[in-house]
Amino acid sequence: MAIKVFLQHDSELDLGPLRAALAADGGRGELADNVLAAKSSFTDFRPRLELTGLLHLPPDADGRDEGFIAPEFLVNPGPAARARLERQVAEWRGLLTAIQPWLADLAREADHQALLLAESLGGISFFACLNHLGAEPELIERAPQGMLEAASFIVNNPYLAKRFAAVQLLPDMRVQDWCYLLLAEAQDFGRFVRLAYDYDSDNLLPLEIQRHYYLFLCSPPASEAGKYMISPFREL
């Protein structure tokens, strides 16, 4: 495995389990600690841990193209590009599986804070909170695939790519999968979320007032406020 994990974290966090997972099997990957600005800035997230790097591809067979991908990479990718993306998702899924006990401990210790998978692509920030109330290991393991699908969906829809500044994956706890997207427009980002997207119905869902947003999130308890890019408890 040749993944690179970029990390923002609580200064008191014990990173030993993450380092051990990256060193497993002859070297799972590389940890780049606190080298990038947090992607959760200017949101209502209260992050304790922010993992980034899913969209940072390792070198191809010829040793080329290492680095963060451009949106064009996800627009109708060819077989070779799809194979690289599938390998990257599989490796990140393996990493998240390996650190599940550590993530579970963190979730219990910081139930008001967010454990985030965060990426940016084409000026759009993407987030998946790994410790929503009711999250099971299978939901966490599906987060890399969900993140890639969300990024691909947005960049392959030019209207959406131009309109939205931030996207948060939202789970359906009944099936433990990422079934919705919360979409924040640039003009509204930092204040409220006007739209959501439902994969099953392929529809954009209007959230016209803050109350609609709160109800769409299934009326979460106040302890979940810091796990959304825009808090459903925000006073406008």
C-alpha atoms as a PDB file:
ATOM      1  CA  MET A   1       0.000   0.000   0.000  1.00  0.00           C
ATOM      2  CA  ALA A   2       1.273   3.443  -0.904  1.00  0.00           C
ATOM      3  CA  ILE A   3      -1.370   5.824   0.429  1.00  0.00           C
ATOM      4  CA  LYS A   4      -0.491   9.124   2.019  1.00  0.00           C
ATOM      5  CA  VAL A   5      -2.647  10.368   4.887  1.00  0.00           C
ATOM      6  CA  PHE A   6      -2.733  14.098   5.625  1.00  0.00           C
ATOM      7  CA  LEU A   7      -3.863  14.839   9.121  1.00  0.00           C
ATOM      8  CA  GLN A   8      -5.282  17.601  11.271  1.00  0.00           C
ATOM      9  CA  HIS A   9      -6.028  16.608  14.842  1.00  0.00           C
ATOM     10  CA  ASP A  10      -6.516  17.481  18.468  1.00  0.00           C
ATOM     11  CA  SER A  11      -3.037  18.152  19.873  1.00  0.00           C
ATOM     12  CA  GLU A  12      -3.625  15.695  22.719  1.00  0.00           C
ATOM     13  CA  LEU A  13      -4.648  12.833  20.429  1.00  0.00           C
ATOM     14  CA  ASP A  14      -2.630   9.608  20.633  1.00  0.00           C
ATOM     15  CA  LEU A  15      -1.760   8.785  17.018  1.00  0.00           C
ATOM     16  CA  GLY A  16      -0.067   5.490  17.888  1.00  0.00           C
ATOM     17  CA  PRO A  17      -2.836   3.241  16.473  1.00  0.00           C
ATOM     18  CA  LEU A  18      -2.919   5.197  13.207  1.00  0.00           C
ATOM     19  CA  ARG A  19       0.857   5.058  12.850  1.00  0.00           C
ATOM     20  CA  ALA A  20       0.806   1.323  13.616  1.00  0.00           C
ATOM     21  CA  ALA A  21      -1.850   0.701  10.947  1.00  0.00           C
ATOM     22  CA  LEU A  22       0.151   2.642   8.364  1.00  0.00           C
ATOM     23  CA  ALA A  23       3.277   0.653   9.241  1.00  0.00           C
ATOM     24  CA  ALA A  24       1.515  -2.730   9.011  1.00  0.00           C
ATOM     25  CA  ASP A  25       2.240  -5.283   6.282  1.00  0.00           C
ATOM     26  CA  GLY A  26       5.597  -3.842   5.395  1.00  0.00           C
ATOM     27  CA  GLY A  27       4.419  -0.236   5.273  1.00  0.00           C
ATOM     28  CA  ARG A  28       0.789   0.577   4.529  1.00  0.00           C
ATOM     29  CA  GLY A  29       1.452   4.218   3.808  1.00  0.00           C
ATOM     30  CA  GLU A  30       2.778   7.556   4.958  1.00  0.00           C
ATOM     31  CA  LEU A  31       1.451   9.964   7.544  1.00  0.00           C
ATOM     32  CA  ALA A  32       1.898  13.659   6.807  1.00  0.00           C
ATOM     33  CA  ASP A  33       0.979  15.248  10.125  1.00  0.00           C
ATOM     34  CA  ASN A  34      -0.519  18.764  10.178  1.00  0.00           C
ATOM     35  CA  VAL A  35       0.894  19.835   6.832  1.00  0.00           C
ATOM     36  CA  LEU A  36      -2.315  21.087   5.213  1.00  0.00           C
ATOM     37  CA  ALA A  37      -4.825  23.694   6.297  1.00  0.00           C
ATOM     38  CA  ALA A  38      -7.915  22.093   7.770  1.00  0.00           C
ATOM     39  CA  LYS A  39     -10.676  21.732   5.211  1.00  0.00           C
ATOM     40  CA  SER A  40     -13.279  22.118   7.932  1.00  0.00           C
ATOM     41  CA  SER A  41     -12.411  25.782   8.553  1.00  0.00           C
ATOM     42  CA  PHE A  42     -15.359  28.179   8.181  1.00  0.00           C
ATOM     43  CA  THR A  43     -17.839  25.407   9.001  1.00  0.00           C
ATOM     44  CA  ASP A  44     -19.695  24.465  12.169  1.00  0.00           C
ATOM     45  CA  PHE A  45     -17.755  21.215  12.489  1.00  0.00           C
ATOM     46  CA  ARG A  46     -16.016  20.642  15.808  1.00  0.00           C
ATOM     47  CA  PRO A  47     -13.327  18.306  14.469  1.00  0.00           C
ATOM     48  CA  ARG A  48     -11.126  16.186  16.670  1.00  0.00           C
ATOM     49  CA  LEU A  49      -9.671  14.290  13.736  1.00  0.00           C
ATOM     50  CA  GLU A  50      -9.580  15.150  10.024  1.00  0.00           C
ATOM     51  CA  LEU A  51      -8.161  12.606   7.594  1.00  0.00           C
ATOM     52  CA  THR A  52      -7.372  13.619   4.014  1.00  0.00           C
ATOM     53  CA  GLY A  53      -5.623  11.934   1.113  1.00  0.00           C
ATOM     54  CA  LEU A  54      -8.171   9.782  -0.685  1.00  0.00           C
ATOM     55  CA  LEU A  55      -7.845  12.026  -3.753  1.00  0.00           C
ATOM     56  CA  HIS A  56      -4.039  12.075  -3.504  1.00  0.00           C
ATOM     57  CA  LEU A  57      -3.070   9.241  -5.834  1.00  0.00           C
ATOM     58  CA  PRO A  58       0.199   7.316  -5.514  1.00  0.00           C
ATOM     59  CA  PRO A  59       2.399   7.074  -8.615  1.00  0.00           C
ATOM     60  CA  ASP A  60       1.167   5.001 -11.541  1.00  0.00           C
ATOM     61  CA  ALA A  61       3.112   2.043 -12.951  1.00  0.00           C
ATOM     62  CA  ASP A  62       5.520   4.435 -14.671  1.00  0.00           C
ATOM     63  CA  GLY A  63       6.061   6.492 -11.538  1.00  0.00           C
ATOM     64  CA  ARG A  64       4.075   9.446 -12.859  1.00  0.00           C
ATOM     65  CA  ASP A  65       1.062  11.481 -11.769  1.00  0.00           C
ATOM     66  CA  GLU A  66       1.553  11.384  -8.035  1.00  0.00           C
ATOM     67  CA  GLY A  67      -0.412  14.042  -6.213  1.00  0.00           C
ATOM     68  CA  PHE A  68      -3.883  15.480  -5.756  1.00  0.00           C
ATOM     69  CA  ILE A  69      -6.081  14.809  -8.737  1.00  0.00           C
ATOM     70  CA  ALA A  70      -7.816  17.484 -10.803  1.00  0.00           C
ATOM     71  CA  PRO A  71     -11.572  17.376 -11.442  1.00  0.00           C
ATOM     72  CA  GLU A  72     -10.895  16.336 -15.038  1.00  0.00           C
ATOM     73  CA  PHE A  73      -9.523  13.027 -13.756  1.00  0.00           C
ATOM     74  CA  LEU A  74     -13.052  12.049 -12.662  1.00  0.00           C
ATOM     75  CA  VAL A  75     -14.808  13.135 -15.847  1.00  0.00           C
ATOM     76  CA  ASN A  76     -15.465   9.961 -17.831  1.00  0.00           C
ATOM     77  CA  PRO A  77     -12.267   8.247 -16.581  1.00  0.00           C
ATOM     78  CA  GLY A  78     -10.790   5.522 -18.768  1.00  0.00           C
ATOM     79  CA  PRO A  79     -10.061   1.961 -17.625  1.00  0.00           C
ATOM     80  CA  ALA A  80      -6.583   2.764 -16.272  1.00  0.00           C
ATOM     81  CA  ALA A  81      -7.848   5.750 -14.269  1.00  0.00           C
ATOM     82  CA  ARG A  82     -10.776   3.733 -12.897  1.00  0.00           C
ATOM     83  CA  ALA A  83      -8.420   0.949 -11.828  1.00  0.00           C
ATOM     84  CA  ARG A  84      -6.216   3.424  -9.930  1.00  0.00           C
ATOM     85  CA  LEU A  85      -9.238   4.941  -8.208  1.00  0.00           C
ATOM     86  CA  GLU A  86     -10.572   1.506  -7.246  1.00  0.00           C
ATOM     87  CA  ARG A  87      -7.202   0.566  -5.733  1.00  0.00           C
ATOM     88  CA  GLN A  88      -7.097   3.821  -3.790  1.00  0.00           C
ATOM     89  CA  VAL A  89     -10.599   3.291  -2.405  1.00  0.00           C
ATOM     90  CA  ALA A  90      -9.753  -0.293  -1.441  1.00  0.00           C
ATOM     91  CA  GLU A  91      -6.604   0.803   0.380  1.00  0.00           C
ATOM     92  CA  TRP A  92      -8.423   3.532   2.290  1.00  0.00           C
ATOM     93  CA  ARG A  93     -11.173   1.100   3.187  1.00  0.00           C
ATOM     94  CA  GLY A  94      -8.520  -1.279   4.494  1.00  0.00           C
ATOM     95  CA  LEU A  95      -6.971   1.509   6.568  1.00  0.00           C
ATOM     96  CA  LEU A  96     -10.300   2.526   8.106  1.00  0.00           C
ATOM     97  CA  THR A  97     -11.036  -1.122   8.891  1.00  0.00           C
ATOM     98  CA  ALA A  98      -7.656  -1.465  10.598  1.00  0.00           C
ATOM     99  CA  ILE A  99      -8.210   1.580  12.828  1.00  0.00           C
ATOM    100  CA  GLN A 100     -11.860   0.833  13.666  1.00  0.00           C
ATOM    101  CA  PRO A 101     -11.169   0.134  17.377  1.00  0.00           C
ATOM    102  CA  TRP A 102      -9.250   3.392  17.692  1.00  0.00           C
ATOM    103  CA  LEU A 103     -12.009   5.356  15.933  1.00  0.00           C
ATOM    104  CA  ALA A 104     -14.615   3.732  18.186  1.00  0.00           C
ATOM    105  CA  ASP A 105     -12.656   4.794  21.278  1.00  0.00           C
ATOM    106  CA  LEU A 106     -12.345   8.340  19.933  1.00  0.00           C
ATOM    107  CA  ALA A 107     -16.071   8.457  19.211  1.00  0.00           C
ATOM    108  CA  ARG A 108     -16.872   7.484  22.801  1.00  0.00           C
ATOM    109  CA  GLU A 109     -14.422  10.020  24.216  1.00  0.00           C
ATOM    110  CA  ALA A 110     -15.577  12.925  22.043  1.00  0.00           C
ATOM    111  CA  ASP A 111     -19.255  12.429  21.357  1.00  0.00           C
ATOM    112  CA  HIS A 112     -19.711  16.165  20.645  1.00  0.00           C
ATOM    113  CA  GLN A 113     -16.779  16.340  18.200  1.00  0.00           C
ATOM    114  CA  ALA A 114     -16.454  15.118  14.628  1.00  0.00           C
ATOM    115  CA  LEU A 115     -14.128  12.489  13.210  1.00  0.00           C
ATOM    116  CA  LEU A 116     -13.914  13.566   9.580  1.00  0.00           C
ATOM    117  CA  LEU A 117     -12.893  12.236   6.228  1.00  0.00           C
ATOM    118  CA  ALA A 118     -12.330  15.444   4.254  1.00  0.00           C
ATOM    119  CA  GLU A 119     -11.283  16.202   0.685  1.00  0.00           C
ATOM    120  CA  SER A 120     -11.271  19.132  -1.720  1.00  0.00           C
ATOM    121  CA  LEU A 121     -11.598  19.056  -5.483  1.00  0.00           C
ATOM    122  CA  GLY A 122     -11.986  21.927  -7.907  1.00  0.00           C
ATOM    123  CA  GLY A 123     -12.563  24.422  -5.104  1.00  0.00           C
ATOM    124  CA  ILE A 124     -15.302  22.288  -3.507  1.00  0.00           C
ATOM    125  CA  SER A 125     -14.908  20.790  -0.034  1.00  0.00           C
ATOM    126  CA  PHE A 126     -16.266  17.287   0.639  1.00  0.00           C
ATOM    127  CA  PHE A 127     -16.896  15.868   4.119  1.00  0.00           C
ATOM    128  CA  ALA A 128     -18.017  12.618   5.699  1.00  0.00           C
ATOM    129  CA  CYS A 129     -18.406  12.473   9.462  1.00  0.00           C
ATOM    130  CA  LEU A 130     -17.430   9.002  10.673  1.00  0.00           C
ATOM    131  CA  ASN A 131     -19.027   9.163  14.118  1.00  0.00           C
ATOM    132  CA  HIS A 132     -22.648  10.154  13.639  1.00  0.00           C
ATOM    133  CA  LEU A 133     -24.944   8.714  16.272  1.00  0.00           C
ATOM    134  CA  GLY A 134     -25.739   5.152  15.205  1.00  0.00           C
ATOM    135  CA  ALA A 135     -22.781   4.714  12.843  1.00  0.00           C
ATOM    136  CA  GLU A 136     -21.605   1.110  12.529  1.00  0.00           C
ATOM    137  CA  PRO A 137     -18.239  -0.145  11.197  1.00  0.00           C
ATOM    138  CA  GLU A 138     -19.720  -0.902   7.764  1.00  0.00           C
ATOM    139  CA  LEU A 139     -20.757   2.732   7.327  1.00  0.00           C
ATOM    140  CA  ILE A 140     -17.226   3.905   8.105  1.00  0.00           C
ATOM    141  CA  GLU A 141     -15.734   1.347   5.714  1.00  0.00           C
ATOM    142  CA  ARG A 142     -18.030   2.622   2.948  1.00  0.00           C
ATOM    143  CA  ALA A 143     -16.954   6.241   3.429  1.00  0.00           C
ATOM    144  CA  PRO A 144     -14.078   6.232   0.878  1.00  0.00           C
ATOM    145  CA  GLN A 145     -16.335   4.852  -1.865  1.00  0.00           C
ATOM    146  CA  GLY A 146     -19.043   7.303  -0.870  1.00  0.00           C
ATOM    147  CA  MET A 147     -16.594  10.206  -0.976  1.00  0.00           C
ATOM    148  CA  LEU A 148     -15.354   9.254  -4.438  1.00  0.00           C
ATOM    149  CA  GLU A 149     -18.904   8.823  -5.730  1.00  0.00           C
ATOM    150  CA  ALA A 150     -19.917  12.215  -4.353  1.00  0.00           C
ATOM    151  CA  ALA A 151     -16.920  13.958  -5.934  1.00  0.00           C
ATOM    152  CA  SER A 152     -17.540  12.195  -9.249  1.00  0.00           C
ATOM    153  CA  PHE A 153     -21.244  13.055  -9.186  1.00  0.00           C
ATOM    154  CA  ILE A 154     -20.554  16.743  -8.625  1.00  0.00           C
ATOM    155  CA  VAL A 155     -17.732  17.207 -11.160  1.00  0.00           C
ATOM    156  CA  ASN A 156     -19.690  15.330 -13.836  1.00  0.00           C
ATOM    157  CA  ASN A 157     -22.567  17.802 -13.415  1.00  0.00           C
ATOM    158  CA  PRO A 158     -21.144  21.202 -14.438  1.00  0.00           C
ATOM    159  CA  TYR A 159     -24.194  23.080 -13.130  1.00  0.00           C
ATOM    160  CA  LEU A 160     -23.696  21.602  -9.661  1.00  0.00           C
ATOM    161  CA  ALA A 161     -19.903  22.027  -9.765  1.00  0.00           C
ATOM    162  CA  LYS A 162     -20.323  25.757 -10.392  1.00  0.00           C
ATOM    163  CA  ARG A 163     -23.079  26.237  -7.857  1.00  0.00           C
ATOM    164  CA  PHE A 164     -21.890  24.511  -4.677  1.00  0.00           C
ATOM    165  CA  ALA A 165     -18.917  25.236  -2.437  1.00  0.00           C
ATOM    166  CA  ALA A 166     -19.216  22.383   0.054  1.00  0.00           C
ATOM    167  CA  VAL A 167     -20.762  18.916   0.156  1.00  0.00           C
ATOM    168  CA  GLN A 168     -21.368  16.668   3.150  1.00  0.00           C
ATOM    169  CA  LEU A 169     -22.190  12.995   2.782  1.00  0.00           C
ATOM    170  CA  LEU A 170     -25.169  12.032   4.912  1.00  0.00           C
ATOM    171  CA  PRO A 171     -25.904   8.457   5.986  1.00  0.00           C
ATOM    172  CA  ASP A 172     -29.121   6.487   6.161  1.00  0.00           C
ATOM    173  CA  MET A 173     -28.623   4.541   9.374  1.00  0.00           C
ATOM    174  CA  ARG A 174     -31.246   1.972   8.393  1.00  0.00           C
ATOM    175  CA  VAL A 175     -28.963   0.620   5.659  1.00  0.00           C
ATOM    176  CA  GLN A 176     -25.620   1.927   7.014  1.00  0.00           C
ATOM    177  CA  ASP A 177     -24.736   3.628   3.743  1.00  0.00           C
ATOM    178  CA  TRP A 178     -24.177   7.161   2.443  1.00  0.00           C
ATOM    179  CA  CYS A 179     -27.472   7.888   0.699  1.00  0.00           C
ATOM    180  CA  TYR A 180     -27.700  11.695   0.674  1.00  0.00           C
ATOM    181  CA  LEU A 181     -25.611  14.780   0.048  1.00  0.00           C
ATOM    182  CA  LEU A 182     -25.979  18.106   1.848  1.00  0.00           C
ATOM    183  CA  LEU A 183     -25.168  20.890  -0.604  1.00  0.00           C
ATOM    184  CA  ALA A 184     -24.011  24.372   0.437  1.00  0.00           C
ATOM    185  CA  GLU A 185     -23.923  27.150  -2.116  1.00  0.00           C
ATOM    186  CA  ALA A 186     -21.044  29.605  -2.088  1.00  0.00           C
ATOM    187  CA  GLN A 187     -23.351  32.528  -1.274  1.00  0.00           C
ATOM    188  CA  ASP A 188     -24.833  30.660   1.703  1.00  0.00           C
ATOM    189  CA  PHE A 189     -21.850  28.698   2.962  1.00  0.00           C
ATOM    190  CA  GLY A 190     -21.314  29.293   6.645  1.00  0.00           C
ATOM    191  CA  ARG A 191     -24.976  30.169   7.251  1.00  0.00           C
ATOM    192  CA  PHE A 192     -27.340  27.421   6.135  1.00  0.00           C
ATOM    193  CA  VAL A 193     -27.905  24.534   3.729  1.00  0.00           C
ATOM    194  CA  ARG A 194     -30.618  25.079   1.125  1.00  0.00           C
ATOM    195  CA  LEU A 195     -30.517  21.766  -0.733  1.00  0.00           C
ATOM    196  CA  ALA A 196     -29.941  18.067  -0.303  1.00  0.00           C
ATOM    197  CA  TYR A 197     -29.574  15.350  -2.919  1.00  0.00           C
ATOM    198  CA  ASP A 198     -31.171  11.904  -2.653  1.00  0.00           C
ATOM    199  CA  TYR A 199     -29.301   9.224  -4.619  1.00  0.00           C
ATOM    200  CA  ASP A 200     -32.264   6.813  -4.649  1.00  0.00           C
ATOM    201  CA  SER A 201     -34.749   9.246  -6.168  1.00  0.00           C
ATOM    202  CA  ASP A 202     -32.116  11.251  -8.101  1.00  0.00           C
ATOM    203  CA  ASN A 203     -33.734  14.428  -6.851  1.00  0.00           C
ATOM    204  CA  LEU A 204     -32.572  17.700  -5.368  1.00  0.00           C
ATOM    205  CA  LEU A 205     -34.584  18.346  -2.206  1.00  0.00           C
ATOM    206  CA  PRO A 206     -35.230  21.966  -1.138  1.00  0.00           C
ATOM    207  CA  LEU A 207     -34.593  22.829   2.510  1.00  0.00           C
ATOM    208  CA  GLU A 208     -36.269  26.198   2.497  1.00  0.00           C
ATOM    209  CA  ILE A 209     -35.986  27.077   6.166  1.00  0.00           C
ATOM    210  CA  GLN A 210     -33.799  25.964   9.049  1.00  0.00           C
ATOM    211  CA  ARG A 211     -36.657  23.861  10.445  1.00  0.00           C
ATOM    212  CA  HIS A 212     -36.798  21.836   7.215  1.00  0.00           C
ATOM    213  CA  TYR A 213     -33.069  21.221   7.486  1.00  0.00           C
ATOM    214  CA  TYR A 214     -33.397  20.029  11.087  1.00  0.00           C
ATOM    215  CA  LEU A 215     -36.263  17.674  10.228  1.00  0.00           C
ATOM    216  CA  PHE A 216     -34.431  16.338   7.168  1.00  0.00           C
ATOM    217  CA  LEU A 217     -31.581  15.359   9.491  1.00  0.00           C
ATOM    218  CA  CYS A 218     -34.149  13.344  11.509  1.00  0.00           C
ATOM    219  CA  SER A 219     -34.184  15.828  14.400  1.00  0.00           C
ATOM    220  CA  PRO A 220     -30.695  15.088  15.768  1.00  0.00           C
ATOM    221  CA  PRO A 221     -29.853  15.735  19.431  1.00  0.00           C
ATOM    222  CA  ALA A 222     -27.821  18.804  20.325  1.00  0.00           C
ATOM    223  CA  SER A 223     -24.750  16.586  20.850  1.00  0.00           C
ATOM    224  CA  GLU A 224     -24.642  16.116  17.048  1.00  0.00           C
ATOM    225  CA  ALA A 225     -24.421  19.851  16.275  1.00  0.00           C
ATOM    226  CA  GLY A 226     -20.637  19.770  15.717  1.00  0.00           C
ATOM    227  CA  LYS A 227     -20.901  16.926  13.199  1.00  0.00           C
ATOM    228  CA  TYR A 228     -22.495  18.976  10.436  1.00  0.00           C
ATOM    229  CA  MET A 229     -20.843  21.559   8.213  1.00  0.00           C
ATOM    230  CA  ILE A 230     -23.759  23.839   9.089  1.00  0.00           C
ATOM    231  CA  SER A 231     -25.314  23.151  12.472  1.00  0.00           C
ATOM    232  CA  PRO A 232     -29.066  22.472  12.424  1.00  0.00           C
ATOM    233  CA  PHE A 233     -29.150  24.404  15.711  1.00  0.00           C
ATOM    234  CA  ARG A 234     -27.620  27.558  14.242  1.00  0.00           C
ATOM    235  CA  GLU A 235     -29.616  30.710  15.003  1.00  0.00           C
ATOM    236  CA  LEU A 236     -30.059  32.723  11.819  1.00  0.00           C
END
